[in-house]
C-alpha atoms as a PDB file:
ATOM      1  CA  MET A   1     127.538  86.283  62.498  1.00  0.00           C
ATOM      2  CA  GLY A   2     130.641  85.022  60.738  1.00  0.00           C
ATOM      3  CA  LEU A   3     131.330  82.368  58.138  1.00  0.00           C
ATOM      4  CA  ARG A   4     132.289  79.831  60.795  1.00  0.00           C
ATOM      5  CA  ASP A   5     128.923  80.292  62.532  1.00  0.00           C
ATOM      6  CA  THR A   6     127.140  79.757  59.220  1.00  0.00           C
ATOM      7  CA  ILE A   7     129.111  76.592  58.451  1.00  0.00           C
ATOM      8  CA  PHE A   8     128.435  75.085  61.863  1.00  0.00           C
ATOM      9  CA  GLY A   9     124.753  76.056  61.823  1.00  0.00           C
ATOM     10  CA  ARG A  10     124.935  78.507  64.689  1.00  0.00           C
ATOM     11  CA  THR A  11     122.434  81.314  64.600  1.00  0.00           C
ATOM     12  CA  LYS A  12     122.385  84.578  66.436  1.00  0.00           C
ATOM     13  CA  GLN A  13     119.352  84.961  68.664  1.00  0.00           C
ATOM     14  CA  ALA A  14     117.022  87.746  67.591  1.00  0.00           C
ATOM     15  CA  ALA A  15     116.809  90.784  69.838  1.00  0.00           C
ATOM     16  CA  PRO A  16     113.361  91.398  71.325  1.00  0.00           C
ATOM     17  CA  ASN A  17     111.226  93.815  69.309  1.00  0.00           C
ATOM     18  CA  LEU A  18     109.632  96.051  71.923  1.00  0.00           C
ATOM     19  CA  ASP A  19     108.078  99.000  70.119  1.00  0.00           C
ATOM     20  CA  ASN A  20     105.016  97.217  68.726  1.00  0.00           C
ATOM     21  CA  LEU A  21     103.617  97.163  72.282  1.00  0.00           C
ATOM     22  CA  PHE A  22     102.466 100.763  71.870  1.00  0.00           C
ATOM     23  CA  ALA A  23      99.959  99.758  69.171  1.00  0.00           C
ATOM     24  CA  LEU A  24      97.914  98.103  71.920  1.00  0.00           C
ATOM     25  CA  SER A  25      96.176 101.363  72.875  1.00  0.00           C
ATOM     26  CA  THR A  26      94.586 101.662  69.423  1.00  0.00           C
ATOM     27  CA  ALA A  27      93.657  97.968  69.426  1.00  0.00           C
ATOM     28  CA  ALA A  28      91.906  98.378  72.780  1.00  0.00           C
ATOM     29  CA  LEU A  29      89.478 100.869  71.222  1.00  0.00           C
ATOM     30  CA  THR A  30      88.646  98.362  68.486  1.00  0.00           C
ATOM     31  CA  LEU A  31      88.163  95.553  71.016  1.00  0.00           C
ATOM     32  CA  GLU A  32      85.746  97.706  73.005  1.00  0.00           C
ATOM     33  CA  SER A  33      83.700  98.883  70.039  1.00  0.00           C
ATOM     34  CA  GLU A  34      83.561  95.564  68.162  1.00  0.00           C
ATOM     35  CA  LEU A  35      83.652  92.898  70.906  1.00  0.00           C
ATOM     36  CA  ASP A  36      82.715  94.751  74.130  1.00  0.00           C
ATOM     37  CA  LEU A  37      86.122  93.909  75.668  1.00  0.00           C
ATOM     38  CA  VAL A  38      87.974  96.371  77.898  1.00  0.00           C
ATOM     39  CA  PRO A  39      91.433  96.212  79.501  1.00  0.00           C
ATOM     40  CA  SER A  40      91.500  94.282  82.790  1.00  0.00           C
ATOM     41  CA  GLY A  41      94.255  96.503  84.196  1.00  0.00           C
ATOM     42  CA  HIS A  42      96.669  93.570  84.387  1.00  0.00           C
ATOM     43  CA  GLY A  43      99.718  92.761  82.329  1.00  0.00           C
ATOM     44  CA  GLY A  44     102.698  90.523  82.657  1.00  0.00           C
ATOM     45  CA  LEU A  45     106.143  89.871  81.312  1.00  0.00           C
ATOM     46  CA  CYS A  46     107.272  86.252  81.064  1.00  0.00           C
ATOM     47  CA  PHE A  47     110.948  85.315  81.066  1.00  0.00           C
ATOM     48  CA  LYS A  48     113.181  82.340  81.713  1.00  0.00           C
ATOM     49  CA  ALA A  49     114.646  81.981  85.184  1.00  0.00           C
ATOM     50  CA  GLY A  50     118.280  83.034  85.535  1.00  0.00           C
ATOM     51  CA  ASN A  51     121.074  80.637  84.843  1.00  0.00           C
ATOM     52  CA  GLY A  52     124.611  81.854  85.135  1.00  0.00           C
ATOM     53  CA  GLU A  53     123.930  85.572  85.572  1.00  0.00           C
ATOM     54  CA  GLY A  54     126.112  86.481  88.523  1.00  0.00           C
ATOM     55  CA  THR A  55     124.204  89.394  89.988  1.00  0.00           C
ATOM     56  CA  ILE A  56     120.681  89.273  88.570  1.00  0.00           C
ATOM     57  CA  THR A  57     119.115  86.024  89.677  1.00  0.00           C
ATOM     58  CA  THR A  58     116.590  86.774  92.398  1.00  0.00           C
ATOM     59  CA  ASP A  59     113.195  88.467  92.264  1.00  0.00           C
ATOM     60  CA  ALA A  60     114.582  91.282  94.425  1.00  0.00           C
ATOM     61  CA  ASP A  61     117.484  91.817  92.000  1.00  0.00           C
ATOM     62  CA  ILE A  62     115.069  92.046  89.073  1.00  0.00           C
ATOM     63  CA  LYS A  63     112.756  94.474  90.891  1.00  0.00           C
ATOM     64  CA  GLU A  64     115.759  96.612  91.808  1.00  0.00           C
ATOM     65  CA  LEU A  65     116.993  96.520  88.214  1.00  0.00           C
ATOM     66  CA  LEU A  66     113.578  97.606  86.965  1.00  0.00           C
ATOM     67  CA  ASN A  67     113.436 100.389  89.559  1.00  0.00           C
ATOM     68  CA  PHE A  68     109.890  99.643  90.712  1.00  0.00           C
ATOM     69  CA  ASP A  69     108.839 101.118  94.027  1.00  0.00           C
ATOM     70  CA  GLU A  70     106.799  98.458  95.802  1.00  0.00           C
ATOM     71  CA  THR A  71     104.995 101.025  97.941  1.00  0.00           C
ATOM     72  CA  ASN A  72     103.641 102.884  94.889  1.00  0.00           C
ATOM     73  CA  ASP A  73     103.757 100.297  92.111  1.00  0.00           C
ATOM     74  CA  LYS A  74     101.551  97.241  92.039  1.00  0.00           C
ATOM     75  CA  VAL A  75     104.235  94.850  90.852  1.00  0.00           C
ATOM     76  CA  THR A  76     104.636  91.242  91.883  1.00  0.00           C
ATOM     77  CA  MET A  77     106.833  88.364  90.836  1.00  0.00           C
ATOM     78  CA  THR A  78     105.596  84.808  90.479  1.00  0.00           C
ATOM     79  CA  LYS A  79     106.572  81.529  88.872  1.00  0.00           C
ATOM     80  CA  ASP A  80     104.191  79.512  86.700  1.00  0.00           C
ATOM     81  CA  ASP A  81     103.619  75.742  86.529  1.00  0.00           C
ATOM     82  CA  LEU A  82     106.394  75.343  83.959  1.00  0.00           C
ATOM     83  CA  GLY A  83     108.973  77.257  86.019  1.00  0.00           C
ATOM     84  CA  PHE A  84     108.908  80.479  84.004  1.00  0.00           C
ATOM     85  CA  GLU A  85     109.165  83.771  85.887  1.00  0.00           C
ATOM     86  CA  TRP A  86     106.449  86.421  85.589  1.00  0.00           C
ATOM     87  CA  LEU A  87     106.635  90.094  86.404  1.00  0.00           C
ATOM     88  CA  LEU A  88     102.999  91.079  86.971  1.00  0.00           C
ATOM     89  CA  VAL A  89     101.916  94.707  86.784  1.00  0.00           C
ATOM     90  CA  ALA A  90      98.519  96.101  87.796  1.00  0.00           C
ATOM     91  CA  ASP A  91      97.480  99.503  86.471  1.00  0.00           C
ATOM     92  CA  PRO A  92      93.943 100.513  85.451  1.00  0.00           C
ATOM     93  CA  ASP A  93      95.296 102.854  82.745  1.00  0.00           C
ATOM     94  CA  LEU A  94      96.241 100.782  79.672  1.00  0.00           C
ATOM     95  CA  GLU A  95      98.780 103.292  78.333  1.00  0.00           C
ATOM     96  CA  SER A  96     100.549 103.386  81.684  1.00  0.00           C
ATOM     97  CA  LEU A  97     100.443  99.578  81.906  1.00  0.00           C
ATOM     98  CA  VAL A  98     101.966  99.234  78.427  1.00  0.00           C
ATOM     99  CA  THR A  99     104.636 101.817  79.304  1.00  0.00           C
ATOM    100  CA  ARG A 100     105.559  99.930  82.492  1.00  0.00           C
ATOM    101  CA  VAL A 101     105.836  96.592  80.700  1.00  0.00           C
ATOM    102  CA  HIS A 102     107.837  98.228  77.881  1.00  0.00           C
ATOM    103  CA  SER A 103     110.132  99.837  80.466  1.00  0.00           C
ATOM    104  CA  ALA A 104     110.699  96.462  82.138  1.00  0.00           C
ATOM    105  CA  ASN A 105     111.483  94.914  78.739  1.00  0.00           C
ATOM    106  CA  THR A 106     113.902  97.695  77.859  1.00  0.00           C
ATOM    107  CA  SER A 107     115.703  97.517  81.207  1.00  0.00           C
ATOM    108  CA  MET A 108     116.160  93.775  80.926  1.00  0.00           C
ATOM    109  CA  VAL A 109     117.495  94.066  77.363  1.00  0.00           C
ATOM    110  CA  GLU A 110     119.898  96.871  78.372  1.00  0.00           C
ATOM    111  CA  HIS A 111     121.281  94.642  81.147  1.00  0.00           C
ATOM    112  CA  GLY A 112     121.939  91.709  78.840  1.00  0.00           C
ATOM    113  CA  LEU A 113     118.823  89.742  79.771  1.00  0.00           C
ATOM    114  CA  GLY A 114     116.999  90.092  76.442  1.00  0.00           C
ATOM    115  CA  SER A 115     117.569  86.435  75.577  1.00  0.00           C
ATOM    116  CA  ARG A 116     115.552  85.471  78.665  1.00  0.00           C
ATOM    117  CA  LEU A 117     112.434  87.422  77.598  1.00  0.00           C
ATOM    118  CA  LEU A 118     109.626  85.289  76.170  1.00  0.00           C
ATOM    119  CA  CYS A 119     106.375  87.227  75.933  1.00  0.00           C
ATOM    120  CA  ALA A 120     104.241  90.009  77.360  1.00  0.00           C
ATOM    121  CA  VAL A 121     100.555  89.439  78.088  1.00  0.00           C
ATOM    122  CA  PHE A 122      97.702  91.918  78.565  1.00  0.00           C
ATOM    123  CA  GLY A 123      94.264  90.984  79.892  1.00  0.00           C
ATOM    124  CA  PHE A 124      90.869  92.031  78.516  1.00  0.00           C
ATOM    125  CA  VAL A 125      87.482  91.321  80.067  1.00  0.00           C
ATOM    126  CA  PRO A 126      83.867  91.797  78.946  1.00  0.00           C
ATOM    127  CA  LYS A 127      82.625  95.342  79.559  1.00  0.00           C
ATOM    128  CA  THR A 128      79.151  93.891  80.073  1.00  0.00           C
ATOM    129  CA  PRO A 129      79.545  90.466  81.750  1.00  0.00           C
ATOM    130  CA  PRO A 130      79.332  87.678  80.874  1.00  0.00           C
ATOM    131  CA  GLY A 131      79.982  88.672  77.244  1.00  0.00           C
ATOM    132  CA  GLU A 132      81.898  86.218  75.105  1.00  0.00           C
ATOM    133  CA  GLY A 133      84.508  85.630  77.785  1.00  0.00           C
ATOM    134  CA  SER A 134      87.856  87.093  78.693  1.00  0.00           C
ATOM    135  CA  LEU A 135      90.821  87.443  76.391  1.00  0.00           C
ATOM    136  CA  ARG A 136      94.573  87.752  76.685  1.00  0.00           C
ATOM    137  CA  LEU A 137      96.645  89.449  74.008  1.00  0.00           C
ATOM    138  CA  VAL A 138     100.021  87.735  73.941  1.00  0.00           C
ATOM    139  CA  TYR A 139     102.964  89.646  72.504  1.00  0.00           C
ATOM    140  CA  LEU A 140     105.751  87.429  71.180  1.00  0.00           C
ATOM    141  CA  LEU A 141     108.807  89.555  71.839  1.00  0.00           C
ATOM    142  CA  LYS A 142     111.186  87.862  69.390  1.00  0.00           C
ATOM    143  CA  GLN A 143     108.679  88.073  66.516  1.00  0.00           C
ATOM    144  CA  GLY A 144     107.191  91.450  67.416  1.00  0.00           C
ATOM    145  CA  THR A 145     103.680  90.066  66.852  1.00  0.00           C
ATOM    146  CA  PHE A 146     100.522  89.561  68.894  1.00  0.00           C
ATOM    147  CA  TYR A 147      98.061  86.706  69.084  1.00  0.00           C
ATOM    148  CA  PRO A 148      94.788  86.378  71.002  1.00  0.00           C
ATOM    149  CA  PHE A 149      94.316  83.686  73.634  1.00  0.00           C
ATOM    150  CA  ALA A 150      90.805  83.176  75.044  1.00  0.00           C
ATOM    151  CA  PRO A 151      90.831  80.549  77.813  1.00  0.00           C
ATOM    152  CA  THR A 152      87.433  79.197  78.851  1.00  0.00           C
ATOM    153  CA  GLY A 153      88.562  76.592  81.361  1.00  0.00           C
ATOM    154  CA  PRO A 154      91.593  74.749  82.718  1.00  0.00           C
ATOM    155  CA  SER A 155      92.462  73.322  79.286  1.00  0.00           C
ATOM    156  CA  GLN A 156      89.895  74.804  76.917  1.00  0.00           C
ATOM    157  CA  ARG A 157      89.940  77.865  74.748  1.00  0.00           C
ATOM    158  CA  ASN A 158      87.477  79.803  72.599  1.00  0.00           C
ATOM    159  CA  ASN A 159      89.039  79.477  69.143  1.00  0.00           C
ATOM    160  CA  GLU A 160      86.113  81.274  67.515  1.00  0.00           C
ATOM    161  CA  LEU A 161      86.661  84.381  69.658  1.00  0.00           C
ATOM    162  CA  GLU A 162      90.400  84.246  68.961  1.00  0.00           C
ATOM    163  CA  LEU A 163      89.796  84.199  65.204  1.00  0.00           C
ATOM    164  CA  ARG A 164      87.265  87.031  65.455  1.00  0.00           C
ATOM    165  CA  VAL A 165      89.772  89.100  67.416  1.00  0.00           C
ATOM    166  CA  ARG A 166      92.369  88.424  64.719  1.00  0.00           C
ATOM    167  CA  SER A 167      90.012  89.673  62.011  1.00  0.00           C
ATOM    168  CA  PHE A 168      89.111  92.856  63.929  1.00  0.00           C
ATOM    169  CA  LEU A 169      92.679  93.703  65.002  1.00  0.00           C
ATOM    170  CA  SER A 170      94.570  92.839  61.818  1.00  0.00           C
ATOM    171  CA  THR A 171      94.833  96.532  60.860  1.00  0.00           C
ATOM    172  CA  ASP A 172      95.598  97.750  64.416  1.00  0.00           C
ATOM    173  CA  LEU A 173      98.251  95.238  65.499  1.00  0.00           C
ATOM    174  CA  PRO A 174     100.913  93.092  63.899  1.00  0.00           C
ATOM    175  CA  ILE A 175      99.116  89.726  64.313  1.00  0.00           C
ATOM    176  CA  GLU A 176     101.138  86.510  64.255  1.00  0.00           C
ATOM    177  CA  LYS A 177     100.302  84.792  60.964  1.00  0.00           C
ATOM    178  CA  ASP A 178     101.661  81.368  61.954  1.00  0.00           C
ATOM    179  CA  LEU A 179      98.820  79.805  63.986  1.00  0.00           C
ATOM    180  CA  SER A 180     101.211  77.173  65.364  1.00  0.00           C
ATOM    181  CA  ARG A 181     102.741  79.997  67.434  1.00  0.00           C
ATOM    182  CA  TRP A 182      99.364  80.739  69.045  1.00  0.00           C
ATOM    183  CA  MET A 183     100.312  78.681  72.087  1.00  0.00           C
ATOM    184  CA  ALA A 184      97.869  77.949  74.869  1.00  0.00           C
ATOM    185  CA  LEU A 185      99.137  79.548  78.069  1.00  0.00           C
ATOM    186  CA  TRP A 186      97.194  77.570  80.659  1.00  0.00           C
ATOM    187  CA  ASN A 187      97.113  78.817  84.260  1.00  0.00           C
ATOM    188  CA  LEU A 188      98.266  82.206  83.078  1.00  0.00           C
ATOM    189  CA  PRO A 189      98.873  84.545  86.045  1.00  0.00           C
ATOM    190  CA  VAL A 190      97.535  87.578  84.105  1.00  0.00           C
ATOM    191  CA  GLU A 191      93.826  88.223  84.635  1.00  0.00           C
END
């Protein structure tokens, strides 16, 4: 960033921080032992739809870029209510799921699409239903931090569970300290 950018108030967009995703495996052990939550086997990567990219604009282009084999990989593309794109990955092994989502992140960044990346989400469900409910760990890519989101209905969430998760995972994961960034992601396509 140069002096001119500083004078005119332009800022350079932060590059996505991807490596903190790997801390999720340790956090999963804590979630299971403390809150009886286990990985659901589902994760997702949310990004803004393409605008202006000449060759990478369709779901097929993105799948080809990410080199996923649809016959072997359980990968789907969908769009949410707000028009954001989601790459959904199903894998019962959490480490493999995290690796796949990290790989998708890395590929998109390497192809100049890092500014489109918004967040990655991983689902957790009660090991012994009904438990306290399901949970999503949301990874804010630009900040490199996680926050818990525990939806209980179409527009309701379990704030108590979210705060308990924060207290249990604060040593395992970089937790987002600014609670205003703990956005509700209603109708989330990740189970």
